[in-house]
Every structure is written in structure tokens, then in C-alpha cells.
């Protein structure tokens, strides 16, 4: 398993940007598929974005969020632009040994999770 620690959450006004980062332990980080998920109060955890051989995005964030990774630094980032109040949630970084296609969107496919970081978007 890989250990994950998120950072970069906070309070931002609607329309503003925010960048989340996730630091991973382990020498095999580059082989993992990495994902970002979020969970708002009273709602289920939902897929946001993932990166493996390709990138995947939820329709609700497509065109506003960008996922990227730096294998040399063992980090994965989520650049969030044009934030909306409905983006308010706890954001989680997750790792899967492998994913492709629809599996990248599946929360149950990821075996390692960070502790989460709060993102609050004010209107």
C-alpha cells in the first residue's frame, strides 16, 4: 500500500482557484493510478478526476479542474479553477494499483486513501 497525505485545501470565493496536492510514500508511485474524490455533507463520496495512462474527469468538473502528477516527487495535484459553491466538500486523494476506463471512476477500485482536505467555496 501507499501512504497518502493531502494538502492545499481552504476557503475560497466562487470563481477563484485552488490547488490541491497529494504526497505519496513508496518507491513504486509511478505505477499507481491516482484519483481525487470528494464528499459533501450528507452525500456519498464521488469521483472527481483520475490519472493513469490517461486522465479522467467527472462531467461536473471537466474544463475547470486539471489533474497532474510528478513521479519524480511522488505527488499528484488537482488544479481547480472557476470554483463553485457546489464544489464544497472534503477532497480525498486515492491510489489504485491500476485502472483503465470505467474502473478509474469507481471509488471501490482504490485501495489507499488520504485523510482528506476541506475545500469550502463561498458564494
N, C-alpha and C. Protein backbone atom coordinates (compact mmCIF):
# COMPACT_ATOMS: atom_id res chain seq x y z
N UNK A 1 0.83 -1.19 0.00
CA UNK A 1 0.00 0.00 0.00
C UNK A 1 0.87 1.25 0.00
N UNK A 2 0.28 2.33 -0.47
CA UNK A 2 0.98 3.60 -0.49
C UNK A 2 0.31 4.53 0.52
N UNK A 3 1.11 5.32 1.20
CA UNK A 3 0.59 6.29 2.17
C UNK A 3 0.39 7.63 1.48
N UNK A 4 -0.76 8.26 1.73
CA UNK A 4 -1.12 9.49 1.03
C UNK A 4 -1.44 10.61 2.01
N UNK A 5 -0.96 11.80 1.71
CA UNK A 5 -1.24 12.97 2.55
C UNK A 5 -1.62 14.15 1.65
N UNK A 6 -2.84 14.64 1.83
CA UNK A 6 -3.31 15.77 1.03
C UNK A 6 -2.97 17.10 1.71
N UNK A 7 -2.89 18.14 0.89
CA UNK A 7 -2.70 19.49 1.39
C UNK A 7 -3.28 20.47 0.39
N UNK A 8 -3.46 21.71 0.83
CA UNK A 8 -3.88 22.76 -0.08
C UNK A 8 -5.33 23.17 0.01
N UNK A 9 -6.10 22.52 0.84
CA UNK A 9 -7.50 22.90 0.99
C UNK A 9 -7.63 24.23 1.69
N UNK A 10 -8.85 24.77 1.67
CA UNK A 10 -9.09 26.04 2.34
C UNK A 10 -10.38 26.67 1.90
N UNK A 11 -10.51 27.95 2.23
CA UNK A 11 -11.70 28.73 1.90
C UNK A 11 -11.38 29.63 0.71
N UNK A 12 -12.24 29.62 -0.29
CA UNK A 12 -12.02 30.43 -1.49
C UNK A 12 -13.37 30.97 -1.97
N UNK A 13 -13.34 32.13 -2.58
CA UNK A 13 -14.56 32.71 -3.14
C UNK A 13 -14.93 32.04 -4.45
N UNK A 14 -16.19 32.03 -4.74
CA UNK A 14 -16.66 31.46 -6.00
C UNK A 14 -15.95 32.15 -7.16
N UNK A 15 -15.55 31.35 -8.12
CA UNK A 15 -14.82 31.85 -9.28
C UNK A 15 -13.32 31.80 -9.13
N UNK A 16 -12.86 31.58 -7.93
CA UNK A 16 -11.43 31.57 -7.67
C UNK A 16 -10.80 30.22 -7.90
N UNK A 17 -9.46 30.17 -7.83
CA UNK A 17 -8.72 28.93 -8.00
C UNK A 17 -8.23 28.37 -6.66
N UNK A 18 -7.90 27.09 -6.70
CA UNK A 18 -7.29 26.44 -5.55
C UNK A 18 -6.55 25.22 -6.09
N UNK A 19 -5.43 24.92 -5.48
CA UNK A 19 -4.64 23.77 -5.94
C UNK A 19 -4.43 22.82 -4.77
N UNK A 20 -4.83 21.59 -4.98
CA UNK A 20 -4.62 20.54 -4.00
C UNK A 20 -3.42 19.70 -4.40
N UNK A 21 -2.70 19.24 -3.39
CA UNK A 21 -1.58 18.35 -3.64
C UNK A 21 -1.70 17.12 -2.77
N UNK A 22 -1.12 16.05 -3.25
CA UNK A 22 -1.14 14.78 -2.51
C UNK A 22 0.26 14.20 -2.60
N UNK A 23 0.88 14.02 -1.44
CA UNK A 23 2.21 13.43 -1.37
C UNK A 23 2.09 11.95 -1.04
N UNK A 24 2.80 11.14 -1.79
CA UNK A 24 2.71 9.69 -1.62
C UNK A 24 4.05 9.12 -1.21
N UNK A 25 3.99 8.10 -0.38
CA UNK A 25 5.20 7.38 0.00
C UNK A 25 5.35 6.18 -0.91
N UNK A 26 6.51 5.57 -0.90
CA UNK A 26 6.68 4.35 -1.67
C UNK A 26 7.50 4.56 -2.93
N UNK A 27 8.24 3.52 -3.27
CA UNK A 27 9.14 3.63 -4.42
C UNK A 27 8.46 3.31 -5.74
N UNK A 28 7.21 2.84 -5.68
CA UNK A 28 6.53 2.44 -6.91
C UNK A 28 5.39 3.38 -7.25
N UNK A 29 5.50 4.62 -6.82
CA UNK A 29 4.41 5.58 -7.04
C UNK A 29 4.04 5.68 -8.50
N UNK A 30 5.01 5.68 -9.38
CA UNK A 30 4.73 5.88 -10.80
C UNK A 30 3.85 4.78 -11.40
N UNK A 31 3.79 3.64 -10.75
CA UNK A 31 2.99 2.54 -11.29
C UNK A 31 1.52 2.61 -10.86
N UNK A 32 1.22 3.49 -9.92
CA UNK A 32 -0.15 3.60 -9.41
C UNK A 32 -1.00 4.54 -10.26
N UNK A 33 -2.25 4.18 -10.38
CA UNK A 33 -3.24 5.13 -10.86
C UNK A 33 -3.68 5.97 -9.66
N UNK A 34 -3.80 7.27 -9.88
CA UNK A 34 -4.13 8.18 -8.79
C UNK A 34 -5.45 8.88 -9.08
N UNK A 35 -6.22 9.06 -8.03
CA UNK A 35 -7.51 9.70 -8.21
C UNK A 35 -7.80 10.72 -7.13
N UNK A 36 -8.71 11.61 -7.45
CA UNK A 36 -9.26 12.55 -6.48
C UNK A 36 -10.77 12.30 -6.39
N UNK A 37 -11.23 12.24 -5.17
CA UNK A 37 -12.65 12.08 -4.90
C UNK A 37 -13.07 13.17 -3.92
N UNK A 38 -14.36 13.37 -3.77
CA UNK A 38 -14.83 14.36 -2.81
C UNK A 38 -16.13 13.87 -2.17
N UNK A 39 -16.35 14.39 -0.97
CA UNK A 39 -17.55 14.02 -0.24
C UNK A 39 -18.10 15.24 0.47
N UNK A 40 -19.31 15.62 0.09
CA UNK A 40 -20.01 16.72 0.74
C UNK A 40 -20.86 16.17 1.88
N UNK A 41 -21.20 17.00 2.85
CA UNK A 41 -22.00 16.53 3.99
C UNK A 41 -23.31 15.90 3.52
N UNK A 42 -23.60 14.71 4.04
CA UNK A 42 -24.82 14.02 3.70
C UNK A 42 -24.85 13.35 2.35
N UNK A 43 -23.72 13.38 1.65
CA UNK A 43 -23.67 12.78 0.31
C UNK A 43 -22.61 11.69 0.26
N UNK A 44 -22.72 10.85 -0.75
CA UNK A 44 -21.74 9.80 -0.94
C UNK A 44 -20.46 10.37 -1.54
N UNK A 45 -19.38 9.66 -1.32
CA UNK A 45 -18.11 10.06 -1.93
C UNK A 45 -18.22 9.90 -3.44
N UNK A 46 -17.77 10.90 -4.15
CA UNK A 46 -17.91 10.88 -5.62
C UNK A 46 -16.58 11.13 -6.31
N UNK A 47 -16.49 10.57 -7.49
CA UNK A 47 -15.30 10.72 -8.32
C UNK A 47 -15.16 12.14 -8.81
N UNK A 48 -13.91 12.63 -8.83
CA UNK A 48 -13.60 13.95 -9.38
C UNK A 48 -12.69 13.83 -10.60
N UNK A 49 -11.54 13.18 -10.42
CA UNK A 49 -10.57 13.07 -11.51
C UNK A 49 -9.62 11.93 -11.21
N UNK A 50 -9.01 11.39 -12.26
CA UNK A 50 -8.02 10.32 -12.11
C UNK A 50 -6.99 10.42 -13.22
N UNK A 51 -5.82 9.88 -12.92
CA UNK A 51 -4.75 9.86 -13.91
C UNK A 51 -4.05 8.52 -13.85
N UNK A 52 -3.97 7.87 -14.98
CA UNK A 52 -3.17 6.66 -15.13
C UNK A 52 -2.40 6.83 -16.43
N UNK A 53 -2.70 6.04 -17.42
CA UNK A 53 -2.12 6.28 -18.74
C UNK A 53 -2.86 7.43 -19.43
N UNK A 54 -4.03 7.74 -18.92
CA UNK A 54 -4.84 8.84 -19.44
C UNK A 54 -5.40 9.61 -18.25
N UNK A 55 -6.15 10.63 -18.55
CA UNK A 55 -6.81 11.39 -17.49
C UNK A 55 -8.33 11.24 -17.65
N UNK A 56 -9.00 11.29 -16.52
CA UNK A 56 -10.43 11.11 -16.47
C UNK A 56 -11.02 12.19 -15.57
N UNK A 57 -12.18 12.70 -15.95
CA UNK A 57 -12.82 13.75 -15.18
C UNK A 57 -14.32 13.50 -15.06
N UNK A 58 -14.85 13.89 -13.91
CA UNK A 58 -16.30 13.92 -13.78
C UNK A 58 -16.84 15.05 -14.65
N UNK A 59 -18.03 14.85 -15.17
CA UNK A 59 -18.63 15.87 -16.04
C UNK A 59 -18.74 17.21 -15.33
N UNK A 60 -18.98 17.17 -14.03
CA UNK A 60 -19.20 18.40 -13.27
C UNK A 60 -17.95 19.26 -13.14
N UNK A 61 -16.77 18.69 -13.38
CA UNK A 61 -15.53 19.46 -13.22
C UNK A 61 -14.75 19.59 -14.52
N UNK A 62 -15.20 18.92 -15.55
CA UNK A 62 -14.49 18.92 -16.83
C UNK A 62 -14.37 20.36 -17.35
N UNK A 63 -13.16 20.72 -17.74
CA UNK A 63 -12.92 22.08 -18.24
C UNK A 63 -12.55 23.06 -17.14
N UNK A 64 -12.74 22.68 -15.88
CA UNK A 64 -12.40 23.57 -14.76
C UNK A 64 -11.25 23.00 -13.92
N UNK A 65 -11.20 21.69 -13.79
CA UNK A 65 -10.18 21.04 -12.96
C UNK A 65 -9.17 20.33 -13.85
N UNK A 66 -7.93 20.27 -13.37
CA UNK A 66 -6.87 19.56 -14.09
C UNK A 66 -6.07 18.72 -13.11
N UNK A 67 -5.98 17.44 -13.39
CA UNK A 67 -5.17 16.54 -12.57
C UNK A 67 -3.81 16.36 -13.24
N UNK A 68 -2.77 16.30 -12.42
CA UNK A 68 -1.42 16.09 -12.95
C UNK A 68 -0.61 15.34 -11.90
N UNK A 69 0.52 14.79 -12.34
CA UNK A 69 1.37 14.06 -11.40
C UNK A 69 2.83 14.35 -11.71
N UNK A 70 3.64 14.26 -10.68
CA UNK A 70 5.09 14.40 -10.81
C UNK A 70 5.68 13.15 -10.19
N UNK A 71 6.05 12.21 -11.01
CA UNK A 71 6.56 10.93 -10.49
C UNK A 71 7.91 11.08 -9.80
N UNK A 72 8.67 12.07 -10.18
CA UNK A 72 9.97 12.30 -9.53
C UNK A 72 9.79 12.78 -8.09
N UNK A 73 8.67 13.46 -7.83
CA UNK A 73 8.40 13.98 -6.49
C UNK A 73 7.34 13.18 -5.75
N UNK A 74 6.83 12.14 -6.38
CA UNK A 74 5.77 11.33 -5.77
C UNK A 74 4.56 12.16 -5.36
N UNK A 75 4.13 13.03 -6.25
CA UNK A 75 2.99 13.87 -5.95
C UNK A 75 1.97 13.84 -7.08
N UNK A 76 0.74 14.06 -6.71
CA UNK A 76 -0.35 14.25 -7.66
C UNK A 76 -1.09 15.52 -7.23
N UNK A 77 -1.47 16.32 -8.19
CA UNK A 77 -2.10 17.60 -7.90
C UNK A 77 -3.45 17.72 -8.60
N UNK A 78 -4.26 18.58 -8.05
CA UNK A 78 -5.55 18.89 -8.66
C UNK A 78 -5.68 20.41 -8.69
N UNK A 79 -5.55 20.97 -9.88
CA UNK A 79 -5.74 22.40 -10.06
C UNK A 79 -7.21 22.66 -10.31
N UNK A 80 -7.81 23.45 -9.44
CA UNK A 80 -9.24 23.72 -9.52
C UNK A 80 -9.45 25.19 -9.84
N UNK A 81 -10.07 25.46 -10.94
CA UNK A 81 -10.37 26.83 -11.37
C UNK A 81 -11.88 27.04 -11.44
N UNK A 82 -12.26 28.29 -11.47
CA UNK A 82 -13.68 28.65 -11.58
C UNK A 82 -14.52 27.87 -10.58
N UNK A 83 -14.10 27.89 -9.35
CA UNK A 83 -14.77 27.11 -8.32
C UNK A 83 -16.17 27.61 -8.05
N UNK A 84 -17.04 26.67 -7.71
CA UNK A 84 -18.44 26.96 -7.45
C UNK A 84 -18.78 26.52 -6.03
N UNK A 85 -19.80 27.10 -5.43
CA UNK A 85 -20.19 26.65 -4.08
C UNK A 85 -20.46 25.16 -4.01
N UNK A 86 -20.97 24.59 -5.08
CA UNK A 86 -21.26 23.15 -5.08
C UNK A 86 -20.00 22.28 -5.12
N UNK A 87 -18.84 22.90 -5.28
CA UNK A 87 -17.58 22.16 -5.19
C UNK A 87 -17.14 21.97 -3.73
N UNK A 88 -17.85 22.59 -2.81
CA UNK A 88 -17.52 22.47 -1.40
C UNK A 88 -17.64 21.03 -0.93
N UNK A 89 -16.56 20.51 -0.36
CA UNK A 89 -16.51 19.11 0.07
C UNK A 89 -15.17 18.83 0.72
N UNK A 90 -15.06 17.66 1.30
CA UNK A 90 -13.75 17.14 1.69
C UNK A 90 -13.20 16.39 0.48
N UNK A 91 -12.00 16.73 0.10
CA UNK A 91 -11.37 16.12 -1.08
C UNK A 91 -10.35 15.09 -0.62
N UNK A 92 -10.43 13.92 -1.24
CA UNK A 92 -9.56 12.80 -0.89
C UNK A 92 -8.70 12.40 -2.09
N UNK A 93 -7.46 12.12 -1.79
CA UNK A 93 -6.54 11.54 -2.76
C UNK A 93 -6.59 10.02 -2.59
N UNK A 94 -6.51 9.28 -3.68
CA UNK A 94 -6.60 7.83 -3.61
C UNK A 94 -5.67 7.20 -4.63
N UNK A 95 -5.25 5.98 -4.34
CA UNK A 95 -4.35 5.26 -5.23
C UNK A 95 -4.91 3.88 -5.54
N UNK A 96 -4.73 3.46 -6.77
CA UNK A 96 -5.10 2.13 -7.20
C UNK A 96 -3.92 1.52 -7.93
N UNK A 97 -3.77 0.22 -7.81
CA UNK A 97 -2.64 -0.45 -8.46
C UNK A 97 -2.70 -0.22 -9.96
N UNK A 98 -3.92 -0.20 -10.47
CA UNK A 98 -4.11 0.00 -11.91
C UNK A 98 -5.55 0.41 -12.15
N UNK A 99 -5.77 1.23 -13.15
CA UNK A 99 -7.15 1.45 -13.58
C UNK A 99 -7.16 1.83 -15.04
N UNK A 100 -8.25 1.51 -15.66
CA UNK A 100 -8.49 1.94 -17.03
C UNK A 100 -9.99 2.02 -17.23
N UNK A 101 -10.38 2.92 -18.07
CA UNK A 101 -11.79 3.07 -18.39
C UNK A 101 -12.65 3.31 -17.18
N UNK A 102 -13.75 2.61 -17.12
CA UNK A 102 -14.76 2.85 -16.09
C UNK A 102 -14.25 2.57 -14.68
N UNK A 103 -13.25 1.72 -14.55
CA UNK A 103 -12.73 1.41 -13.21
C UNK A 103 -12.10 2.63 -12.56
N UNK A 104 -11.60 3.54 -13.35
CA UNK A 104 -10.96 4.73 -12.79
C UNK A 104 -11.97 5.62 -12.07
N UNK A 105 -13.24 5.47 -12.39
CA UNK A 105 -14.28 6.28 -11.79
C UNK A 105 -14.87 5.64 -10.52
N UNK A 106 -14.48 4.41 -10.24
CA UNK A 106 -15.11 3.60 -9.21
C UNK A 106 -14.38 3.75 -7.88
N UNK A 107 -15.03 4.29 -6.88
CA UNK A 107 -14.41 4.53 -5.59
C UNK A 107 -13.93 3.22 -4.96
N UNK A 108 -14.62 2.12 -5.22
CA UNK A 108 -14.26 0.85 -4.61
C UNK A 108 -13.01 0.24 -5.23
N UNK A 109 -12.54 0.81 -6.33
CA UNK A 109 -11.36 0.27 -7.02
C UNK A 109 -10.06 0.75 -6.39
N UNK A 110 -10.16 1.77 -5.54
CA UNK A 110 -8.96 2.37 -4.95
C UNK A 110 -8.70 1.80 -3.56
N UNK A 111 -7.47 1.37 -3.33
CA UNK A 111 -7.16 0.69 -2.09
C UNK A 111 -6.49 1.54 -1.03
N UNK A 112 -5.95 2.68 -1.41
CA UNK A 112 -5.26 3.55 -0.46
C UNK A 112 -5.88 4.94 -0.53
N UNK A 113 -6.07 5.53 0.65
CA UNK A 113 -6.74 6.82 0.75
C UNK A 113 -5.98 7.75 1.70
N UNK A 114 -6.03 9.03 1.39
CA UNK A 114 -5.53 10.03 2.31
C UNK A 114 -6.60 10.38 3.33
N UNK A 115 -6.26 11.30 4.23
CA UNK A 115 -7.17 11.67 5.30
C UNK A 115 -8.18 12.73 4.87
N UNK A 116 -7.94 13.35 3.74
CA UNK A 116 -8.87 14.34 3.20
C UNK A 116 -8.48 15.76 3.57
N UNK A 117 -8.88 16.70 2.72
CA UNK A 117 -8.65 18.11 2.97
C UNK A 117 -9.92 18.88 2.60
N UNK A 118 -10.32 19.81 3.47
CA UNK A 118 -11.57 20.52 3.27
C UNK A 118 -11.41 21.65 2.26
N UNK A 119 -12.34 21.70 1.32
CA UNK A 119 -12.43 22.81 0.38
C UNK A 119 -13.80 23.45 0.56
N UNK A 120 -13.80 24.74 0.84
CA UNK A 120 -15.04 25.48 1.02
C UNK A 120 -15.07 26.65 0.05
N UNK A 121 -16.12 26.70 -0.76
CA UNK A 121 -16.27 27.77 -1.75
C UNK A 121 -17.45 28.63 -1.33
N UNK A 122 -17.15 29.89 -1.06
CA UNK A 122 -18.20 30.81 -0.62
C UNK A 122 -18.81 31.53 -1.82
N UNK A 123 -20.09 31.81 -1.71
CA UNK A 123 -20.79 32.47 -2.83
C UNK A 123 -20.73 33.98 -2.69
